[in-house]
Amino acid sequence: ESQRRAFSAKPNNVCVFLSHISIDKDAAIKIGEYIMST
């Protein structure tokens, strides 16, 4: 719950929904991990 509250409290509050076809799931996971690392 504290992680969810922290998201709501962020000043820029950006969340990127990653739309993909399931066969490209591995690429979506790697891209998502990279985006989170930033």
All heavy atoms as atom14 arrays in JSON, in Angstrom:
{
  "sequence": "ESQRRAFSAKPNNVCVFLSHISIDKDAAIKIGEYIMST",
  "atom14_mask": [
    [1, 1, 1, 1, 1, 1, 1, 1, 1, 0, 0, 0, 0, 0],
    [1, 1, 1, 1, 1, 1, 0, 0, 0, 0, 0, 0, 0, 0],
    [1, 1, 1, 1, 1, 1, 1, 1, 1, 0, 0, 0, 0, 0],
    [1, 1, 1, 1, 1, 1, 1, 1, 1, 1, 1, 0, 0, 0],
    [1, 1, 1, 1, 1, 1, 1, 1, 1, 1, 1, 0, 0, 0],
    [1, 1, 1, 1, 1, 0, 0, 0, 0, 0, 0, 0, 0, 0],
    [1, 1, 1, 1, 1, 1, 1, 1, 1, 1, 1, 0, 0, 0],
    [1, 1, 1, 1, 1, 1, 0, 0, 0, 0, 0, 0, 0, 0],
    [1, 1, 1, 1, 1, 0, 0, 0, 0, 0, 0, 0, 0, 0],
    [1, 1, 1, 1, 1, 1, 1, 1, 1, 0, 0, 0, 0, 0],
    [1, 1, 1, 1, 1, 1, 1, 0, 0, 0, 0, 0, 0, 0],
    [1, 1, 1, 1, 1, 1, 1, 1, 0, 0, 0, 0, 0, 0],
    [1, 1, 1, 1, 1, 1, 1, 1, 0, 0, 0, 0, 0, 0],
    [1, 1, 1, 1, 1, 1, 1, 0, 0, 0, 0, 0, 0, 0],
    [1, 1, 1, 1, 1, 1, 0, 0, 0, 0, 0, 0, 0, 0],
    [1, 1, 1, 1, 1, 1, 1, 0, 0, 0, 0, 0, 0, 0],
    [1, 1, 1, 1, 1, 1, 1, 1, 1, 1, 1, 0, 0, 0],
    [1, 1, 1, 1, 1, 1, 1, 1, 0, 0, 0, 0, 0, 0],
    [1, 1, 1, 1, 1, 1, 0, 0, 0, 0, 0, 0, 0, 0],
    [1, 1, 1, 1, 1, 1, 1, 1, 1, 1, 0, 0, 0, 0],
    [1, 1, 1, 1, 1, 1, 1, 1, 0, 0, 0, 0, 0, 0],
    [1, 1, 1, 1, 1, 1, 0, 0, 0, 0, 0, 0, 0, 0],
    [1, 1, 1, 1, 1, 1, 1, 1, 0, 0, 0, 0, 0, 0],
    [1, 1, 1, 1, 1, 1, 1, 1, 0, 0, 0, 0, 0, 0],
    [1, 1, 1, 1, 1, 1, 1, 1, 1, 0, 0, 0, 0, 0],
    [1, 1, 1, 1, 1, 1, 1, 1, 0, 0, 0, 0, 0, 0],
    [1, 1, 1, 1, 1, 0, 0, 0, 0, 0, 0, 0, 0, 0],
    [1, 1, 1, 1, 1, 0, 0, 0, 0, 0, 0, 0, 0, 0],
    [1, 1, 1, 1, 1, 1, 1, 1, 0, 0, 0, 0, 0, 0],
    [1, 1, 1, 1, 1, 1, 1, 1, 1, 0, 0, 0, 0, 0],
    [1, 1, 1, 1, 1, 1, 1, 1, 0, 0, 0, 0, 0, 0],
    [1, 1, 1, 1, 0, 0, 0, 0, 0, 0, 0, 0, 0, 0],
    [1, 1, 1, 1, 1, 1, 1, 1, 1, 0, 0, 0, 0, 0],
    [1, 1, 1, 1, 1, 1, 1, 1, 1, 1, 1, 1, 0, 0],
    [1, 1, 1, 1, 1, 1, 1, 1, 0, 0, 0, 0, 0, 0],
    [1, 1, 1, 1, 1, 1, 1, 1, 0, 0, 0, 0, 0, 0],
    [1, 1, 1, 1, 1, 1, 0, 0, 0, 0, 0, 0, 0, 0],
    [1, 1, 1, 1, 1, 1, 1, 0, 0, 0, 0, 0, 0, 0]
  ],
  "atom14_positions": [
    [[0.84, -1.21, 0.0], [0.0, 0.0, 0.0], [0.87, 1.25, 0.0], [0.54, 2.25, -0.65], [-0.94, -0.01, 1.2], [-2.03, 1.04, 1.13], [-2.86, 0.99, -0.16], [-3.17, -0.12, -0.65], [-3.19, 2.07, -0.67], [0.0, 0.0, 0.0], [0.0, 0.0, 0.0], [0.0, 0.0, 0.0], [0.0, 0.0, 0.0], [0.0, 0.0, 0.0]],
    [[2.02, 1.21, 0.68], [2.89, 2.39, 0.7], [3.5, 2.64, -0.69], [3.69, 3.79, -1.07], [4.0, 2.24, 1.75], [4.85, 1.17, 1.44], [0.0, 0.0, 0.0], [0.0, 0.0, 0.0], [0.0, 0.0, 0.0], [0.0, 0.0, 0.0], [0.0, 0.0, 0.0], [0.0, 0.0, 0.0], [0.0, 0.0, 0.0], [0.0, 0.0, 0.0]],
    [[3.78, 1.58, -1.46], [4.28, 1.77, -2.82], [3.2, 2.4, -3.7], [3.48, 3.27, -4.51], [4.72, 0.43, -3.43], [6.02, -0.09, -2.86], [6.33, -1.47, -3.37], [5.51, -2.37, -3.31], [7.55, -1.64, -3.87], [0.0, 0.0, 0.0], [0.0, 0.0, 0.0], [0.0, 0.0, 0.0], [0.0, 0.0, 0.0], [0.0, 0.0, 0.0]],
    [[1.97, 1.96, -3.53], [0.87, 2.55, -4.31], [0.66, 4.01, -3.93], [0.42, 4.85, -4.78], [-0.4, 1.74, -4.13], [-0.31, 0.37, -4.76], [-1.64, -0.37, -4.69], [-1.47, -1.75, -5.08], [-1.38, -2.19, -6.34], [-1.46, -1.33, -7.33], [-1.22, -3.46, -6.6], [0.0, 0.0, 0.0], [0.0, 0.0, 0.0], [0.0, 0.0, 0.0]],
    [[0.75, 4.33, -2.65], [0.62, 5.73, -2.2], [1.77, 6.57, -2.73], [1.59, 7.72, -3.11], [0.55, 5.8, -0.68], [-0.82, 5.56, -0.11], [-0.92, 6.01, 1.35], [0.07, 5.39, 2.2], [-0.06, 4.22, 2.84], [-1.17, 3.53, 2.71], [0.9, 3.74, 3.58], [0.0, 0.0, 0.0], [0.0, 0.0, 0.0], [0.0, 0.0, 0.0]],
    [[2.98, 5.98, -2.76], [4.15, 6.71, -3.26], [3.95, 7.09, -4.72], [4.31, 8.18, -5.15], [5.42, 5.88, -3.1], [0.0, 0.0, 0.0], [0.0, 0.0, 0.0], [0.0, 0.0, 0.0], [0.0, 0.0, 0.0], [0.0, 0.0, 0.0], [0.0, 0.0, 0.0], [0.0, 0.0, 0.0], [0.0, 0.0, 0.0], [0.0, 0.0, 0.0]],
    [[3.34, 6.19, -5.52], [3.05, 6.51, -6.92], [2.13, 7.71, -6.99], [2.36, 8.64, -7.74], [2.44, 5.32, -7.65], [1.89, 5.71, -9.0], [2.73, 5.98, -10.05], [0.52, 5.85, -9.2], [2.23, 6.37, -11.3], [0.02, 6.23, -10.43], [0.87, 6.49, -11.48], [0.0, 0.0, 0.0], [0.0, 0.0, 0.0], [0.0, 0.0, 0.0]],
    [[1.06, 7.7, -6.19], [0.09, 8.79, -6.22], [0.71, 10.12, -5.8], [0.25, 11.17, -6.22], [-1.09, 8.46, -5.3], [-1.74, 7.31, -5.77], [0.0, 0.0, 0.0], [0.0, 0.0, 0.0], [0.0, 0.0, 0.0], [0.0, 0.0, 0.0], [0.0, 0.0, 0.0], [0.0, 0.0, 0.0], [0.0, 0.0, 0.0], [0.0, 0.0, 0.0]],
    [[1.74, 10.06, -4.96], [2.35, 11.28, -4.44], [3.46, 11.82, -5.33], [3.95, 12.92, -5.1], [2.9, 11.01, -3.04], [0.0, 0.0, 0.0], [0.0, 0.0, 0.0], [0.0, 0.0, 0.0], [0.0, 0.0, 0.0], [0.0, 0.0, 0.0], [0.0, 0.0, 0.0], [0.0, 0.0, 0.0], [0.0, 0.0, 0.0], [0.0, 0.0, 0.0]],
    [[3.88, 11.09, -6.33], [4.98, 11.54, -7.19], [4.58, 12.83, -7.92], [3.46, 12.93, -8.4], [5.34, 10.48, -8.24], [6.16, 9.35, -7.71], [6.54, 8.43, -8.84], [7.39, 7.3, -8.35], [7.71, 6.38, -9.43], [0.0, 0.0, 0.0], [0.0, 0.0, 0.0], [0.0, 0.0, 0.0], [0.0, 0.0, 0.0], [0.0, 0.0, 0.0]],
    [[5.52, 13.77, -8.03], [5.18, 15.03, -8.7], [4.81, 14.86, -10.17], [3.87, 15.47, -10.64], [6.44, 15.88, -8.54], [7.48, 15.02, -7.94], [6.86, 13.73, -7.51], [0.0, 0.0, 0.0], [0.0, 0.0, 0.0], [0.0, 0.0, 0.0], [0.0, 0.0, 0.0], [0.0, 0.0, 0.0], [0.0, 0.0, 0.0], [0.0, 0.0, 0.0]],
    [[5.55, 14.02, -10.9], [5.23, 13.87, -12.33], [4.2, 12.77, -12.55], [3.52, 12.75, -13.55], [6.48, 13.62, -13.16], [7.19, 12.32, -12.81], [6.82, 11.62, -11.88], [8.22, 12.02, -13.56], [0.0, 0.0, 0.0], [0.0, 0.0, 0.0], [0.0, 0.0, 0.0], [0.0, 0.0, 0.0], [0.0, 0.0, 0.0], [0.0, 0.0, 0.0]],
    [[4.1, 11.82, -11.63], [3.05, 10.79, -11.63], [2.86, 10.13, -13.0], [1.75, 9.95, -13.46], [1.73, 11.4, -11.14], [0.79, 10.37, -10.59], [1.21, 9.32, -10.12], [-0.5, 10.66, -10.64], [0.0, 0.0, 0.0], [0.0, 0.0, 0.0], [0.0, 0.0, 0.0], [0.0, 0.0, 0.0], [0.0, 0.0, 0.0], [0.0, 0.0, 0.0]],
    [[3.96, 9.79, -13.66], [3.91, 9.16, -14.98], [3.83, 7.64, -14.82], [4.58, 7.05, -14.06], [5.14, 9.53, -15.83], [5.2, 8.72, -17.11], [5.14, 11.02, -16.14], [0.0, 0.0, 0.0], [0.0, 0.0, 0.0], [0.0, 0.0, 0.0], [0.0, 0.0, 0.0], [0.0, 0.0, 0.0], [0.0, 0.0, 0.0], [0.0, 0.0, 0.0]],
    [[2.91, 7.04, -15.55], [2.82, 5.58, -15.62], [2.53, 5.23, -17.08], [1.54, 5.7, -17.65], [1.73, 5.02, -14.72], [1.58, 3.23, -14.83], [0.0, 0.0, 0.0], [0.0, 0.0, 0.0], [0.0, 0.0, 0.0], [0.0, 0.0, 0.0], [0.0, 0.0, 0.0], [0.0, 0.0, 0.0], [0.0, 0.0, 0.0], [0.0, 0.0, 0.0]],
    [[3.4, 4.41, -17.67], [3.28, 4.04, -19.08], [2.68, 2.64, -19.19], [3.28, 1.67, -18.73], [4.66, 4.09, -19.79], [4.51, 3.7, -21.26], [5.3, 5.47, -19.65], [0.0, 0.0, 0.0], [0.0, 0.0, 0.0], [0.0, 0.0, 0.0], [0.0, 0.0, 0.0], [0.0, 0.0, 0.0], [0.0, 0.0, 0.0], [0.0, 0.0, 0.0]],
    [[1.5, 2.56, -19.77], [0.84, 1.28, -20.07], [1.53, 0.7, -21.3], [1.59, 1.35, -22.34], [-0.64, 1.53, -20.34], [-1.44, 0.3, -20.67], [-2.16, -0.36, -19.69], [-1.51, -0.19, -21.97], [-2.92, -1.48, -19.98], [-2.26, -1.31, -22.29], [-2.96, -1.97, -21.28], [0.0, 0.0, 0.0], [0.0, 0.0, 0.0], [0.0, 0.0, 0.0]],
    [[2.07, -0.51, -21.18], [2.77, -1.13, -22.29], [1.83, -2.09, -23.01], [1.52, -3.18, -22.54], [4.02, -1.87, -21.79], [5.08, -0.97, -21.16], [6.24, -1.8, -20.63], [5.57, 0.08, -22.14], [0.0, 0.0, 0.0], [0.0, 0.0, 0.0], [0.0, 0.0, 0.0], [0.0, 0.0, 0.0], [0.0, 0.0, 0.0], [0.0, 0.0, 0.0]],
    [[1.39, -1.65, -24.18], [0.5, -2.44, -25.02], [1.36, -3.32, -25.92], [2.31, -2.83, -26.53], [-0.36, -1.49, -25.86], [-1.12, -2.21, -26.79], [0.0, 0.0, 0.0], [0.0, 0.0, 0.0], [0.0, 0.0, 0.0], [0.0, 0.0, 0.0], [0.0, 0.0, 0.0], [0.0, 0.0, 0.0], [0.0, 0.0, 0.0], [0.0, 0.0, 0.0]],
    [[1.03, -4.6, -26.0], [1.81, -5.52, -26.81], [0.99, -6.76, -27.14], [0.02, -7.07, -26.46], [3.09, -5.95, -26.08], [2.8, -6.75, -24.85], [2.3, -6.19, -23.69], [2.9, -8.07, -24.6], [2.13, -7.13, -22.79], [2.47, -8.29, -23.31], [0.0, 0.0, 0.0], [0.0, 0.0, 0.0], [0.0, 0.0, 0.0], [0.0, 0.0, 0.0]],
    [[1.39, -7.47, -28.16], [0.78, -8.75, -28.48], [1.52, -9.81, -27.64], [2.73, -9.69, -27.41], [0.84, -9.04, -30.01], [0.02, -10.25, -30.38], [2.26, -9.13, -30.5], [-0.2, -10.4, -31.89], [0.0, 0.0, 0.0], [0.0, 0.0, 0.0], [0.0, 0.0, 0.0], [0.0, 0.0, 0.0], [0.0, 0.0, 0.0], [0.0, 0.0, 0.0]],
    [[0.79, -10.8, -27.16], [1.38, -11.74, -26.2], [2.63, -12.46, -26.72], [3.53, -12.77, -25.95], [0.34, -12.75, -25.72], [-0.18, -13.48, -26.81], [0.0, 0.0, 0.0], [0.0, 0.0, 0.0], [0.0, 0.0, 0.0], [0.0, 0.0, 0.0], [0.0, 0.0, 0.0], [0.0, 0.0, 0.0], [0.0, 0.0, 0.0], [0.0, 0.0, 0.0]],
    [[2.73, -12.67, -28.01], [3.91, -13.35, -28.56], [5.17, -12.49, -28.39], [6.28, -13.01, -28.4], [3.69, -13.76, -30.04], [4.67, -14.83, -30.43], [3.73, -12.55, -30.96], [4.29, -15.6, -31.68], [0.0, 0.0, 0.0], [0.0, 0.0, 0.0], [0.0, 0.0, 0.0], [0.0, 0.0, 0.0], [0.0, 0.0, 0.0], [0.0, 0.0, 0.0]],
    [[5.02, -11.19, -28.19], [6.14, -10.27, -27.96], [6.35, -9.98, -26.47], [6.98, -8.99, -26.11], [5.93, -8.96, -28.72], [6.0, -9.15, -30.22], [6.73, -10.04, -30.68], [5.31, -8.39, -30.94], [0.0, 0.0, 0.0], [0.0, 0.0, 0.0], [0.0, 0.0, 0.0], [0.0, 0.0, 0.0], [0.0, 0.0, 0.0], [0.0, 0.0, 0.0]],
    [[5.84, -10.85, -25.62], [5.91, -10.64, -24.17], [7.35, -10.47, -23.68], [7.61, -9.6, -22.84], [5.23, -11.8, -23.43], [5.31, -11.68, -21.93], [4.49, -12.73, -21.22], [5.11, -14.09, -21.41], [4.49, -15.13, -20.6], [0.0, 0.0, 0.0], [0.0, 0.0, 0.0], [0.0, 0.0, 0.0], [0.0, 0.0, 0.0], [0.0, 0.0, 0.0]],
    [[8.3, -11.26, -24.18], [9.68, -11.15, -23.72], [10.26, -9.76, -23.99], [10.91, -9.18, -23.12], [10.56, -12.23, -24.36], [10.23, -13.63, -23.86], [9.59, -13.76, -22.79], [10.59, -14.6, -24.55], [0.0, 0.0, 0.0], [0.0, 0.0, 0.0], [0.0, 0.0, 0.0], [0.0, 0.0, 0.0], [0.0, 0.0, 0.0], [0.0, 0.0, 0.0]],
    [[10.0, -9.24, -25.18], [10.47, -7.89, -25.5], [9.78, -6.87, -24.6], [10.43, -5.95, -24.1], [10.21, -7.57, -26.97], [0.0, 0.0, 0.0], [0.0, 0.0, 0.0], [0.0, 0.0, 0.0], [0.0, 0.0, 0.0], [0.0, 0.0, 0.0], [0.0, 0.0, 0.0], [0.0, 0.0, 0.0], [0.0, 0.0, 0.0], [0.0, 0.0, 0.0]],
    [[8.48, -7.03, -24.37], [7.73, -6.09, -23.51], [8.29, -6.11, -22.09], [8.42, -5.06, -21.46], [6.25, -6.44, -23.52], [0.0, 0.0, 0.0], [0.0, 0.0, 0.0], [0.0, 0.0, 0.0], [0.0, 0.0, 0.0], [0.0, 0.0, 0.0], [0.0, 0.0, 0.0], [0.0, 0.0, 0.0], [0.0, 0.0, 0.0], [0.0, 0.0, 0.0]],
    [[8.63, -7.28, -21.59], [9.2, -7.38, -20.24], [10.54, -6.64, -20.17], [10.77, -5.85, -19.25], [9.36, -8.86, -19.82], [7.98, -9.48, -19.58], [10.24, -8.99, -18.57], [7.99, -10.99, -19.41], [0.0, 0.0, 0.0], [0.0, 0.0, 0.0], [0.0, 0.0, 0.0], [0.0, 0.0, 0.0], [0.0, 0.0, 0.0], [0.0, 0.0, 0.0]],
    [[11.42, -6.88, -21.14], [12.74, -6.22, -21.14], [12.59, -4.71, -21.27], [13.28, -3.94, -20.58], [13.63, -6.76, -22.25], [14.03, -8.19, -22.06], [14.97, -8.33, -20.9], [15.47, -9.77, -20.82], [16.15, -10.07, -19.59], [0.0, 0.0, 0.0], [0.0, 0.0, 0.0], [0.0, 0.0, 0.0], [0.0, 0.0, 0.0], [0.0, 0.0, 0.0]],
    [[11.71, -4.27, -22.14], [11.48, -2.82, -22.31], [10.9, -2.24, -21.02], [11.33, -1.19, -20.56], [10.59, -2.57, -23.54], [11.37, -2.92, -24.81], [10.08, -1.12, -23.57], [10.52, -3.07, -26.06], [0.0, 0.0, 0.0], [0.0, 0.0, 0.0], [0.0, 0.0, 0.0], [0.0, 0.0, 0.0], [0.0, 0.0, 0.0], [0.0, 0.0, 0.0]],
    [[9.94, -2.94, -20.42], [9.36, -2.48, -19.16], [10.4, -2.39, -18.06], [10.43, -1.41, -17.3], [0.0, 0.0, 0.0], [0.0, 0.0, 0.0], [0.0, 0.0, 0.0], [0.0, 0.0, 0.0], [0.0, 0.0, 0.0], [0.0, 0.0, 0.0], [0.0, 0.0, 0.0], [0.0, 0.0, 0.0], [0.0, 0.0, 0.0], [0.0, 0.0, 0.0]],
    [[11.25, -3.39, -17.94], [12.32, -3.37, -16.92], [13.25, -2.19, -17.16], [13.67, -1.51, -16.21], [13.12, -4.68, -16.95], [12.35, -5.86, -16.4], [13.05, -7.2, -16.62], [14.09, -7.25, -17.35], [12.56, -8.2, -16.07], [0.0, 0.0, 0.0], [0.0, 0.0, 0.0], [0.0, 0.0, 0.0], [0.0, 0.0, 0.0], [0.0, 0.0, 0.0]],
    [[13.56, -1.93, -18.42], [14.45, -0.81, -18.73], [13.79, 0.52, -18.36], [14.41, 1.37, -17.72], [14.86, -0.81, -20.2], [15.82, 0.31, -20.48], [17.13, 0.24, -20.02], [15.4, 1.47, -21.13], [18.01, 1.29, -20.22], [16.28, 2.51, -21.34], [17.59, 2.42, -20.89], [18.46, 3.47, -21.06], [0.0, 0.0, 0.0], [0.0, 0.0, 0.0]],
    [[12.53, 0.68, -18.74], [11.84, 1.93, -18.41], [11.79, 2.12, -16.89], [12.04, 3.22, -16.39], [10.43, 1.95, -19.05], [10.55, 2.05, -20.58], [9.59, 3.11, -18.49], [9.25, 1.86, -21.33], [0.0, 0.0, 0.0], [0.0, 0.0, 0.0], [0.0, 0.0, 0.0], [0.0, 0.0, 0.0], [0.0, 0.0, 0.0], [0.0, 0.0, 0.0]],
    [[11.49, 1.05, -16.15], [11.47, 1.16, -14.68], [12.85, 1.52, -14.14], [12.95, 2.27, -13.16], [10.96, -0.13, -14.05], [9.47, -0.34, -14.23], [8.81, -1.74, -13.28], [9.76, -3.12, -13.89], [0.0, 0.0, 0.0], [0.0, 0.0, 0.0], [0.0, 0.0, 0.0], [0.0, 0.0, 0.0], [0.0, 0.0, 0.0], [0.0, 0.0, 0.0]],
    [[13.92, 1.03, -14.76], [15.27, 1.33, -14.29], [15.58, 2.82, -14.39], [16.49, 3.31, -13.72], [16.32, 0.52, -15.05], [16.57, 1.06, -16.33], [0.0, 0.0, 0.0], [0.0, 0.0, 0.0], [0.0, 0.0, 0.0], [0.0, 0.0, 0.0], [0.0, 0.0, 0.0], [0.0, 0.0, 0.0], [0.0, 0.0, 0.0], [0.0, 0.0, 0.0]],
    [[14.84, 3.54, -15.23], [15.06, 4.98, -15.38], [14.21, 5.8, -14.41], [14.24, 7.03, -14.45], [14.75, 5.44, -16.83], [13.35, 5.38, -17.07], [15.52, 4.61, -17.85], [0.0, 0.0, 0.0], [0.0, 0.0, 0.0], [0.0, 0.0, 0.0], [0.0, 0.0, 0.0], [0.0, 0.0, 0.0], [0.0, 0.0, 0.0], [0.0, 0.0, 0.0]]
  ]
}
